[in-house]
Amino acid sequence: MNLKFFLLFVLLILLFNKQIYSILPNKSFQEKSVKYNYEVRYYQQVVDHFGFTLPIQNFSQRYLVDFEYWKPGGPIFFYTGNEGDIEWFASNTGFMWETASLFAQSGEYFPCIIFSEHRYYGESIVPGQNDNPPNLRYLTAEQALADHATLVTALKQSTPGLENSPVIAIGGSYGGMLSAWIRMRYPHIFVGSLAASAPILQFAGMTENTTIFYDITTRDYTSECANTIRESWELLRAKAKEPNGLQILTEEFKLCTPLTDVNDLINWFVNGWTYLAMVDYPYPANFLEPLPGNPIDYLCELMHKSSGDIIEKVRVGINVYYNYTGSAPCFNLSQSATANLSDLQWNYQACTEMIFPMSTTGIEDMFEPSVWNYPEYVQYCKSAFHVEPHPWSGGGVLQSISDTLIAIIIPSGAHHLDLRYSNPLDPQDVIQARDIERQWFKKWIDEYNYNSFRK
């Protein structure tokens, strides 16, 4: 990644934008008995950090700030926003507020909290994004990293008391990848990073194990449950071939529009089973969809008790993910996760940089056999976005690389469960992981303060 012109563009931003911030009234949200307050602000961000085209284009990057626990010189907890609405991520990252509160109560550290939204997502709209077709040229992780680094640098320069504050990057999933990369690319700005559930090693050219994701997904289910799901694929396809089979499936699964291709239904199931494994939290949550605690155990029990055939059993099971509240009158096969995530932009990134080779065998996993087909993937990307995949050098790190690059394994965890607010139902290994993460935060802050004092 070529970031050699980063400092030049920070200077240009500060010179050419007299009013770089706009601020909205304080907002708050409630997670159980915990209330988070923050200001919604906007920063005039440069569109292209690495080009030379004049005039320089800008866009309003949204970010959230909370100075409730902060005192001058206190650390900055900086969330590296990922593929969705930043307020939605803030509402699911209670760990940052909880840690800031605990640190302040100890009297040792007084952090401020910043959530930085990813360009092209949420309200951080880039010029050309809403064109038809959309111009996504500047939607890259490289540009997003520069956005985050530029924003925190500008805030440190313009906010009295922040100029000497150490910055810790925090993120989950793709945001965790960004937090890891931003520490690598901007070590002079970020003293450390927490990368939760970040598959930074799952890229083409870096992994030979293309089945690991679906193997682990399957292990979350009981063997009876997984076997039922495994047997359902052939039966669904056979049903679709019967006279009026697609119509029968449309009615049986209460689809909003008539089913024309059984593959659409298959993919909807695959996404549902997969997302359930990702958000298998031990307590009720609504990260992707409203779900009960331990949703996989819950749905497997329902499937076990169902007296229907296999198709009826999987209908009962998948209904837990897509309609646990019972409020959905019908199902839209094109939507399998919260609207706070943006499919179009992420699919574009998956065609340009975020290329994760994945395959299934139908043996160790509960899915239909599927071989990773790179030429087919290239064809899809060319057809959908007129681009050809060009992966970075670059699943998760499962062992410590050195005494400062630490892997924290959470056997009982779900997708970046450690970043959520603590809950009485949290497994012990999640509690221990958070304690370890906080100890590392303290270590980074102390080292920064010690080195700054010596200077």
Protein backbone atom coordinates (compact mmCIF):
# COMPACT_ATOMS: atom_id res chain seq x y z
CA MET A 1 0.00 0.00 0.00
CA ASN A 2 1.44 3.37 -1.00
CA LEU A 3 0.70 5.97 1.68
CA LYS A 4 3.75 8.20 1.17
CA PHE A 5 1.66 11.29 0.49
CA PHE A 6 -0.45 11.00 3.66
CA LEU A 7 1.13 13.92 5.53
CA LEU A 8 0.91 16.18 2.48
CA PHE A 9 -2.83 15.64 2.24
CA VAL A 10 -3.36 16.21 5.96
CA LEU A 11 -1.72 19.59 5.40
CA LEU A 12 -3.88 20.31 2.36
CA ILE A 13 -7.04 19.48 4.29
CA LEU A 14 -6.12 21.86 7.09
CA LEU A 15 -5.19 24.64 4.64
CA PHE A 16 -8.12 24.45 2.24
CA ASN A 17 -10.97 23.77 4.67
CA LYS A 18 -11.55 26.61 7.13
CA GLN A 19 -14.63 24.98 8.64
CA ILE A 20 -13.86 21.28 8.78
CA TYR A 21 -16.38 20.22 11.41
CA SER A 22 -20.11 20.34 11.80
CA ILE A 23 -21.77 19.16 15.01
CA LEU A 24 -25.25 17.85 15.75
CA PRO A 25 -26.92 17.72 19.18
CA ASN A 26 -25.97 14.93 21.56
CA LYS A 27 -27.57 11.57 20.91
CA SER A 28 -27.86 8.55 23.12
CA PHE A 29 -28.95 4.93 23.00
CA GLN A 30 -29.79 2.41 25.66
CA GLU A 31 -28.37 -1.11 26.06
CA LYS A 32 -30.12 -2.67 29.02
CA SER A 33 -29.30 -0.36 31.95
CA VAL A 34 -26.28 1.21 30.23
CA LYS A 35 -26.71 4.55 28.50
CA TYR A 36 -24.23 5.88 25.97
CA ASN A 37 -24.09 9.57 25.04
CA TYR A 38 -22.26 10.92 22.05
CA GLU A 39 -22.15 13.83 19.67
CA VAL A 40 -22.66 13.24 15.96
CA ARG A 41 -20.11 15.25 14.01
CA TYR A 42 -19.00 15.61 10.40
CA TYR A 43 -15.51 16.13 9.06
CA GLN A 44 -14.73 17.42 5.58
CA GLN A 45 -12.66 14.50 4.35
CA VAL A 46 -10.67 14.41 1.11
CA VAL A 47 -12.01 11.97 -1.50
CA ASP A 48 -8.65 10.82 -2.87
CA HIS A 49 -5.72 10.75 -0.45
CA PHE A 50 -3.25 9.48 -3.03
CA GLY A 51 -4.01 11.31 -6.29
CA PHE A 52 -3.01 14.70 -7.67
CA THR A 53 -6.24 15.84 -9.35
CA LEU A 54 -7.27 19.46 -8.71
CA PRO A 55 -9.54 20.83 -7.47
CA ILE A 56 -9.51 18.57 -4.43
CA GLN A 57 -12.90 16.94 -3.80
CA ASN A 58 -14.29 16.46 -0.32
CA PHE A 59 -17.11 14.58 1.37
CA SER A 60 -18.67 14.76 4.83
CA GLN A 61 -17.42 11.89 6.93
CA ARG A 62 -19.64 11.18 9.93
CA TYR A 63 -18.11 10.35 13.28
CA LEU A 64 -19.25 10.07 16.89
CA VAL A 65 -17.45 11.43 19.94
CA ASP A 66 -17.93 10.99 23.67
CA PHE A 67 -15.84 13.04 26.12
CA GLU A 68 -17.79 12.01 29.23
CA TYR A 69 -14.85 10.14 30.79
CA TRP A 70 -12.06 12.17 29.23
CA LYS A 71 -9.53 14.45 30.83
CA PRO A 72 -6.77 16.27 28.91
CA GLY A 73 -4.02 13.85 27.91
CA GLY A 74 -6.32 10.86 28.33
CA PRO A 75 -6.18 8.10 25.70
CA ILE A 76 -8.39 7.91 22.62
CA PHE A 77 -10.39 4.75 21.97
CA PHE A 78 -10.86 4.92 18.21
CA TYR A 79 -13.29 2.58 16.42
CA THR A 80 -12.28 1.97 12.81
CA GLY A 81 -15.68 1.96 11.12
CA ASN A 82 -16.52 -0.80 8.68
CA GLU A 83 -19.22 -1.76 6.21
CA GLY A 84 -22.30 -0.13 7.71
CA ASP A 85 -23.96 2.65 9.66
CA ILE A 86 -21.57 3.86 12.38
CA GLU A 87 -24.33 4.45 14.95
CA TRP A 88 -25.36 0.82 14.55
CA PHE A 89 -21.80 -0.32 15.25
CA ALA A 90 -21.64 2.01 18.24
CA SER A 91 -24.79 0.44 19.66
CA ASN A 92 -23.13 -2.98 19.49
CA THR A 93 -19.69 -2.09 20.89
CA GLY A 94 -20.39 -1.53 24.56
CA PHE A 95 -16.91 -2.78 25.45
CA MET A 96 -15.47 0.63 24.59
CA TRP A 97 -17.82 2.52 26.91
CA GLU A 98 -17.51 -0.05 29.65
CA THR A 99 -13.72 0.05 29.47
CA ALA A 100 -13.66 3.86 29.43
CA SER A 101 -15.88 3.91 32.52
CA LEU A 102 -13.75 1.33 34.36
CA PHE A 103 -10.53 3.15 33.52
CA ALA A 104 -11.97 6.48 34.70
CA GLN A 105 -13.24 4.93 37.93
CA SER A 106 -9.75 3.60 38.62
CA GLY A 107 -8.43 7.16 38.49
CA GLU A 108 -5.55 6.12 36.21
CA TYR A 109 -6.82 6.76 32.70
CA PHE A 110 -9.54 9.04 31.34
CA PRO A 111 -10.34 8.02 27.75
CA CYS A 112 -12.44 9.69 25.10
CA ILE A 113 -14.33 7.58 22.56
CA ILE A 114 -14.44 8.14 18.80
CA PHE A 115 -16.37 6.10 16.21
CA SER A 116 -15.27 6.91 12.66
CA GLU A 117 -17.62 5.97 9.82
CA HIS A 118 -16.28 4.19 6.72
CA ARG A 119 -16.55 6.11 3.48
CA TYR A 120 -19.46 5.08 1.21
CA TYR A 121 -21.40 3.66 4.19
CA GLY A 122 -24.06 5.16 6.43
CA GLU A 123 -24.16 8.92 5.94
CA SER A 124 -20.58 9.26 4.70
CA ILE A 125 -21.59 9.68 1.07
CA VAL A 126 -18.84 10.24 -1.50
CA PRO A 127 -19.48 12.29 -4.69
CA GLY A 128 -20.73 10.00 -7.45
CA GLN A 129 -21.90 7.31 -5.04
CA ASN A 130 -25.57 7.90 -5.86
CA ASP A 131 -25.05 8.09 -9.62
CA ASN A 132 -26.56 5.43 -11.86
CA PRO A 133 -24.46 3.35 -12.06
CA PRO A 134 -22.72 4.37 -8.82
CA ASN A 135 -19.13 5.55 -8.97
CA LEU A 136 -17.30 3.46 -6.37
CA ARG A 137 -13.81 4.23 -7.59
CA TYR A 138 -12.57 5.49 -4.23
CA LEU A 139 -14.12 2.71 -2.17
CA THR A 140 -10.96 0.99 -0.96
CA ALA A 141 -9.60 -0.08 2.41
CA GLU A 142 -6.52 2.00 1.63
CA GLN A 143 -8.58 5.18 1.33
CA ALA A 144 -10.65 4.26 4.42
CA LEU A 145 -7.49 3.77 6.50
CA ALA A 146 -6.30 7.20 5.41
CA ASP A 147 -9.71 8.65 6.35
CA HIS A 148 -9.46 7.24 9.87
CA ALA A 149 -5.85 8.35 10.31
CA THR A 150 -6.54 11.82 8.91
CA LEU A 151 -9.58 12.31 11.13
CA VAL A 152 -7.88 11.40 14.40
CA THR A 153 -4.83 13.50 13.48
CA ALA A 154 -7.02 16.54 12.74
CA LEU A 155 -8.93 16.04 16.00
CA LYS A 156 -5.69 15.86 17.99
CA GLN A 157 -4.45 19.04 16.34
CA SER A 158 -7.67 21.00 16.82
CA THR A 159 -8.81 19.85 20.30
CA PRO A 160 -6.88 21.27 23.26
CA GLY A 161 -5.75 18.45 25.51
CA LEU A 162 -5.87 15.77 22.80
CA GLU A 163 -2.59 16.63 21.11
CA ASN A 164 -0.56 14.27 23.30
CA SER A 165 -3.17 11.54 23.71
CA PRO A 166 -2.25 7.96 22.74
CA VAL A 167 -4.66 6.40 20.24
CA ILE A 168 -5.81 2.77 20.38
CA ALA A 169 -7.60 1.40 17.30
CA ILE A 170 -10.53 -0.95 17.94
CA GLY A 171 -12.66 -2.86 15.45
CA GLY A 172 -14.51 -6.08 14.74
CA SER A 173 -14.73 -8.27 11.62
CA TYR A 174 -13.76 -6.08 8.63
CA GLY A 175 -13.40 -3.22 11.12
CA GLY A 176 -10.99 -5.44 13.03
CA MET A 177 -8.98 -5.95 9.88
CA LEU A 178 -8.84 -2.18 9.48
CA SER A 179 -7.71 -1.73 13.09
CA ALA A 180 -4.89 -4.23 12.55
CA TRP A 181 -3.81 -2.66 9.27
CA ILE A 182 -4.00 0.89 10.58
CA ARG A 183 -1.54 0.05 13.35
CA MET A 184 0.79 -1.40 10.69
CA ARG A 185 0.41 1.52 8.26
CA TYR A 186 0.31 4.38 10.76
CA PRO A 187 2.38 3.25 13.77
CA HIS A 188 3.26 6.89 14.52
CA ILE A 189 -0.45 7.62 15.12
CA PHE A 190 -1.80 4.41 16.71
CA VAL A 191 0.01 2.90 19.69
CA GLY A 192 -1.92 -0.39 19.55
CA SER A 193 -4.97 -2.08 18.10
CA LEU A 194 -7.63 -4.61 19.06
CA ALA A 195 -8.74 -6.63 16.05
CA ALA A 196 -11.73 -8.77 17.06
CA SER A 197 -12.90 -11.62 14.79
CA ALA A 198 -10.68 -10.25 12.03
CA PRO A 199 -9.91 -12.73 9.19
CA ILE A 200 -6.73 -11.01 8.05
CA LEU A 201 -5.18 -14.26 6.78
CA GLN A 202 -8.14 -15.51 4.74
CA PHE A 203 -7.09 -13.86 1.49
CA ALA A 204 -6.36 -15.48 -1.85
CA GLY A 205 -2.71 -16.41 -1.87
CA MET A 206 -2.45 -16.51 1.91
CA THR A 207 -4.59 -19.52 2.82
CA GLU A 208 -4.83 -23.06 1.52
CA ASN A 209 -7.74 -23.99 3.80
CA THR A 210 -10.79 -22.76 1.92
CA THR A 211 -13.27 -24.90 3.91
CA ILE A 212 -12.46 -23.72 7.43
CA PHE A 213 -15.23 -21.11 7.65
CA TYR A 214 -18.06 -23.52 6.86
CA ASP A 215 -16.45 -26.32 8.88
CA ILE A 216 -16.50 -24.13 11.99
CA THR A 217 -20.01 -22.91 11.20
CA THR A 218 -21.23 -26.52 11.14
CA ARG A 219 -19.60 -27.33 14.49
CA ASP A 220 -21.88 -24.78 16.16
CA TYR A 221 -24.88 -26.99 15.37
CA THR A 222 -25.78 -30.30 16.98
CA SER A 223 -25.01 -33.33 14.81
CA GLU A 224 -28.73 -34.05 14.42
CA CYS A 225 -29.40 -30.48 13.40
CA ALA A 226 -26.48 -30.39 10.95
CA ASN A 227 -27.53 -33.71 9.38
CA THR A 228 -31.06 -32.42 8.84
CA ILE A 229 -29.74 -29.29 7.16
CA ARG A 230 -27.32 -31.34 5.06
CA GLU A 231 -30.18 -33.56 3.82
CA SER A 232 -32.45 -30.60 3.05
CA TRP A 233 -30.58 -29.30 -0.01
CA GLU A 234 -31.36 -32.27 -2.25
CA LEU A 235 -34.99 -32.30 -1.08
CA LEU A 236 -35.45 -28.60 -1.76
CA ARG A 237 -34.06 -29.00 -5.27
CA ALA A 238 -36.24 -32.06 -5.88
CA LYS A 239 -39.32 -30.17 -4.68
CA ALA A 240 -38.53 -27.30 -7.05
CA LYS A 241 -38.55 -29.70 -10.03
CA GLU A 242 -42.03 -31.01 -9.26
CA PRO A 243 -45.06 -29.59 -11.12
CA ASN A 244 -45.76 -26.20 -9.52
CA GLY A 245 -42.82 -26.92 -7.20
CA LEU A 246 -41.56 -23.31 -7.15
CA GLN A 247 -45.04 -22.07 -6.35
CA ILE A 248 -45.35 -24.60 -3.53
CA LEU A 249 -42.01 -23.47 -2.07
CA THR A 250 -43.07 -19.83 -2.40
CA GLU A 251 -46.18 -20.52 -0.36
CA GLU A 252 -44.56 -22.90 2.12
CA PHE A 253 -41.82 -20.42 3.01
CA LYS A 254 -44.08 -17.34 2.74
CA LEU A 255 -41.88 -15.56 0.22
CA CYS A 256 -42.80 -11.99 -0.70
CA THR A 257 -42.38 -12.61 -4.44
CA PRO A 258 -42.79 -15.79 -6.53
CA LEU A 259 -39.69 -18.00 -6.52
CA THR A 260 -38.22 -18.33 -10.03
CA ASP A 261 -34.90 -20.00 -9.20
CA VAL A 262 -34.42 -22.47 -6.36
CA ASN A 263 -30.82 -21.26 -6.01
CA ASP A 264 -32.15 -18.01 -4.58
CA LEU A 265 -33.88 -19.98 -1.83
CA ILE A 266 -30.78 -22.14 -1.25
CA ASN A 267 -28.58 -19.06 -0.87
CA TRP A 268 -31.10 -17.52 1.55
CA PHE A 269 -30.85 -20.64 3.72
CA VAL A 270 -27.05 -20.71 3.55
CA ASN A 271 -26.86 -17.09 4.63
CA GLY A 272 -29.28 -17.66 7.48
CA TRP A 273 -27.49 -20.71 8.87
CA THR A 274 -24.16 -18.92 8.55
CA TYR A 275 -25.26 -15.67 10.19
CA LEU A 276 -26.78 -17.66 13.06
CA ALA A 277 -23.37 -19.16 13.82
CA MET A 278 -21.80 -15.71 13.73
CA VAL A 279 -24.27 -14.19 16.21
CA ASP A 280 -24.73 -17.18 18.51
CA TYR A 281 -24.58 -14.94 21.58
CA PRO A 282 -25.45 -16.42 25.01
CA TYR A 283 -28.12 -13.77 25.59
CA PRO A 284 -30.87 -12.12 23.47
CA ALA A 285 -29.44 -9.65 20.96
CA ASN A 286 -30.34 -7.96 17.69
CA PHE A 287 -26.96 -7.40 16.03
CA LEU A 288 -28.15 -8.74 12.65
CA GLU A 289 -31.69 -9.78 13.51
CA PRO A 290 -33.62 -9.98 16.79
CA LEU A 291 -32.66 -13.34 18.28
CA PRO A 292 -33.00 -15.28 21.53
CA GLY A 293 -30.00 -16.20 23.64
CA ASN A 294 -28.08 -19.22 22.27
CA PRO A 295 -30.20 -19.12 19.09
CA ILE A 296 -28.65 -22.26 17.56
CA ASP A 297 -29.49 -24.40 20.59
CA TYR A 298 -32.96 -22.90 20.52
CA LEU A 299 -33.64 -23.62 16.84
CA CYS A 300 -32.09 -27.09 16.95
CA GLU A 301 -34.45 -27.95 19.80
CA LEU A 302 -37.40 -26.69 17.75
CA MET A 303 -36.28 -28.73 14.75
CA HIS A 304 -35.88 -31.81 16.95
CA LYS A 305 -39.41 -31.42 18.34
CA SER A 306 -41.00 -30.76 14.95
CA SER A 307 -43.07 -33.69 13.70
CA GLY A 308 -42.87 -32.51 10.08
CA ASP A 309 -40.64 -33.74 7.28
CA ILE A 310 -37.13 -32.40 6.69
CA ILE A 311 -38.31 -29.41 4.66
CA GLU A 312 -40.72 -28.49 7.44
CA LYS A 313 -37.96 -28.89 10.04
CA VAL A 314 -35.61 -26.49 8.25
CA ARG A 315 -38.49 -24.06 7.74
CA VAL A 316 -39.06 -24.07 11.50
CA GLY A 317 -35.33 -23.64 12.14
CA ILE A 318 -34.61 -20.84 9.69
CA ASN A 319 -37.67 -18.98 10.93
CA VAL A 320 -35.78 -18.36 14.18
CA TYR A 321 -33.26 -16.21 12.31
CA TYR A 322 -35.53 -14.43 9.87
CA ASN A 323 -38.67 -14.07 11.97
CA TYR A 324 -38.07 -14.79 15.65
CA THR A 325 -40.38 -11.92 16.63
CA GLY A 326 -43.16 -13.19 14.33
CA SER A 327 -43.57 -9.72 12.82
CA ALA A 328 -42.51 -10.52 9.24
CA PRO A 329 -45.57 -11.10 7.00
CA CYS A 330 -43.34 -12.54 4.26
CA PHE A 331 -39.67 -13.04 3.43
CA ASN A 332 -37.55 -11.11 0.96
CA LEU A 333 -34.84 -13.43 -0.33
CA SER A 334 -32.58 -10.51 -1.23
CA GLN A 335 -32.25 -9.41 2.39
CA SER A 336 -30.49 -11.72 4.82
CA ALA A 337 -29.02 -9.26 7.34
CA THR A 338 -29.83 -5.92 8.88
CA ALA A 339 -30.38 -2.96 6.56
CA ASN A 340 -27.61 -1.18 8.51
CA LEU A 341 -25.14 -3.18 6.42
CA SER A 342 -24.76 -2.20 2.77
CA ASP A 343 -24.70 -5.09 0.30
CA LEU A 344 -23.85 -3.14 -2.87
CA GLN A 345 -20.75 -1.47 -1.47
CA TRP A 346 -19.50 -4.60 0.24
CA ASN A 347 -20.02 -6.72 -2.87
CA TYR A 348 -17.90 -4.19 -4.75
CA GLN A 349 -15.15 -4.43 -2.15
CA ALA A 350 -15.39 -8.23 -2.34
CA CYS A 351 -14.68 -7.90 -6.05
CA THR A 352 -11.72 -5.55 -5.73
CA GLU A 353 -9.85 -6.27 -2.49
CA MET A 354 -11.71 -8.46 0.00
CA ILE A 355 -11.42 -11.75 -1.83
CA PHE A 356 -11.89 -14.64 0.56
CA PRO A 357 -11.59 -18.08 -1.09
CA MET A 358 -14.26 -20.36 0.38
CA SER A 359 -15.47 -23.83 -0.50
CA THR A 360 -17.58 -26.61 1.00
CA THR A 361 -17.41 -30.42 0.85
CA GLY A 362 -20.76 -31.51 2.28
CA ILE A 363 -18.82 -33.93 4.52
CA GLU A 364 -17.18 -31.98 7.32
CA ASP A 365 -19.72 -29.23 6.79
CA MET A 366 -23.51 -29.26 6.39
CA PHE A 367 -23.66 -27.44 3.06
CA GLU A 368 -23.80 -28.52 -0.57
CA PRO A 369 -20.38 -29.28 -2.08
CA SER A 370 -18.97 -26.19 -3.74
CA VAL A 371 -15.47 -25.66 -5.16
CA TRP A 372 -13.77 -22.25 -5.08
CA ASN A 373 -13.85 -21.19 -8.73
CA TYR A 374 -11.73 -18.10 -9.29
CA PRO A 375 -12.48 -17.69 -13.04
CA GLU A 376 -16.21 -17.80 -12.26
CA TYR A 377 -15.69 -15.23 -9.51
CA VAL A 378 -13.85 -12.95 -11.92
CA GLN A 379 -16.69 -13.24 -14.43
CA TYR A 380 -19.25 -12.24 -11.80
CA CYS A 381 -17.21 -9.19 -10.81
CA LYS A 382 -16.76 -8.09 -14.40
CA SER A 383 -20.48 -8.46 -15.03
CA ALA A 384 -21.62 -6.76 -11.83
CA PHE A 385 -19.07 -3.95 -11.49
CA HIS A 386 -16.85 -4.02 -14.58
CA VAL A 387 -13.85 -4.75 -12.38
CA GLU A 388 -11.47 -7.66 -12.06
CA PRO A 389 -10.56 -8.95 -8.59
CA HIS A 390 -7.20 -7.71 -7.43
CA PRO A 391 -6.59 -8.98 -3.89
CA TRP A 392 -4.26 -7.38 -1.39
CA SER A 393 -1.42 -9.39 0.01
CA GLY A 394 -3.28 -10.46 2.68
CA GLY A 395 -9.05 -16.28 8.65
CA GLY A 396 -7.96 -15.04 11.84
CA VAL A 397 -4.65 -15.25 13.74
CA LEU A 398 -4.89 -18.28 16.05
CA GLN A 399 -1.54 -18.08 17.81
CA SER A 400 0.61 -15.26 19.12
CA ILE A 401 3.20 -14.13 16.61
CA SER A 402 5.48 -12.44 19.14
CA ASP A 403 5.40 -11.16 22.71
CA THR A 404 3.65 -8.00 21.44
CA LEU A 405 1.47 -9.52 18.70
CA ILE A 406 -0.94 -11.50 20.86
CA ALA A 407 -3.72 -13.87 19.78
CA ILE A 408 -6.57 -14.26 22.29
CA ILE A 409 -8.61 -17.39 21.59
CA ILE A 410 -12.24 -17.44 22.79
CA PRO A 411 -13.62 -20.99 22.34
CA SER A 412 -17.09 -19.99 23.60
CA GLY A 413 -17.22 -16.76 21.63
CA ALA A 414 -19.41 -15.51 18.79
CA HIS A 415 -18.65 -12.84 16.21
CA HIS A 416 -16.62 -10.18 18.11
CA LEU A 417 -18.57 -10.99 21.26
CA ASP A 418 -15.70 -9.49 23.25
CA LEU A 419 -16.57 -6.04 21.86
CA ARG A 420 -20.10 -6.14 23.24
CA TYR A 421 -21.05 -4.84 26.67
CA SER A 422 -20.59 -7.39 29.45
CA ASN A 423 -23.56 -9.58 30.31
CA PRO A 424 -24.19 -11.96 33.23
CA LEU A 425 -24.51 -14.75 30.66
CA ASP A 426 -21.08 -14.15 29.14
CA PRO A 427 -18.88 -17.28 29.06
CA GLN A 428 -15.85 -17.16 31.34
CA ASP A 429 -13.39 -17.16 28.45
CA VAL A 430 -15.02 -13.99 27.05
CA ILE A 431 -14.71 -12.29 30.44
CA GLN A 432 -11.05 -13.31 30.63
CA ALA A 433 -10.43 -12.09 27.07
CA ARG A 434 -11.79 -8.64 27.90
CA ASP A 435 -9.56 -8.49 30.99
CA ILE A 436 -6.51 -9.36 28.88
CA GLU A 437 -7.47 -6.75 26.27
CA ARG A 438 -7.78 -4.06 28.94
CA GLN A 439 -4.38 -5.00 30.39
CA TRP A 440 -2.87 -4.47 26.95
CA PHE A 441 -4.63 -1.11 26.64
CA LYS A 442 -3.02 -0.06 29.93
CA LYS A 443 0.37 -1.31 28.78
CA TRP A 444 0.19 0.69 25.51
CA ILE A 445 -0.97 3.84 27.31
CA ASP A 446 1.75 3.56 29.97
CA GLU A 447 4.46 2.97 27.36
CA TYR A 448 3.30 5.96 25.33
CA ASN A 449 3.15 8.21 28.39
CA TYR A 450 6.59 7.03 29.56
CA ASN A 451 8.18 7.64 26.16
CA SER A 452 6.48 11.04 25.87
CA PHE A 453 7.81 12.01 29.33
CA ARG A 454 11.36 11.02 28.36
CA LYS A 455 11.16 13.30 25.33
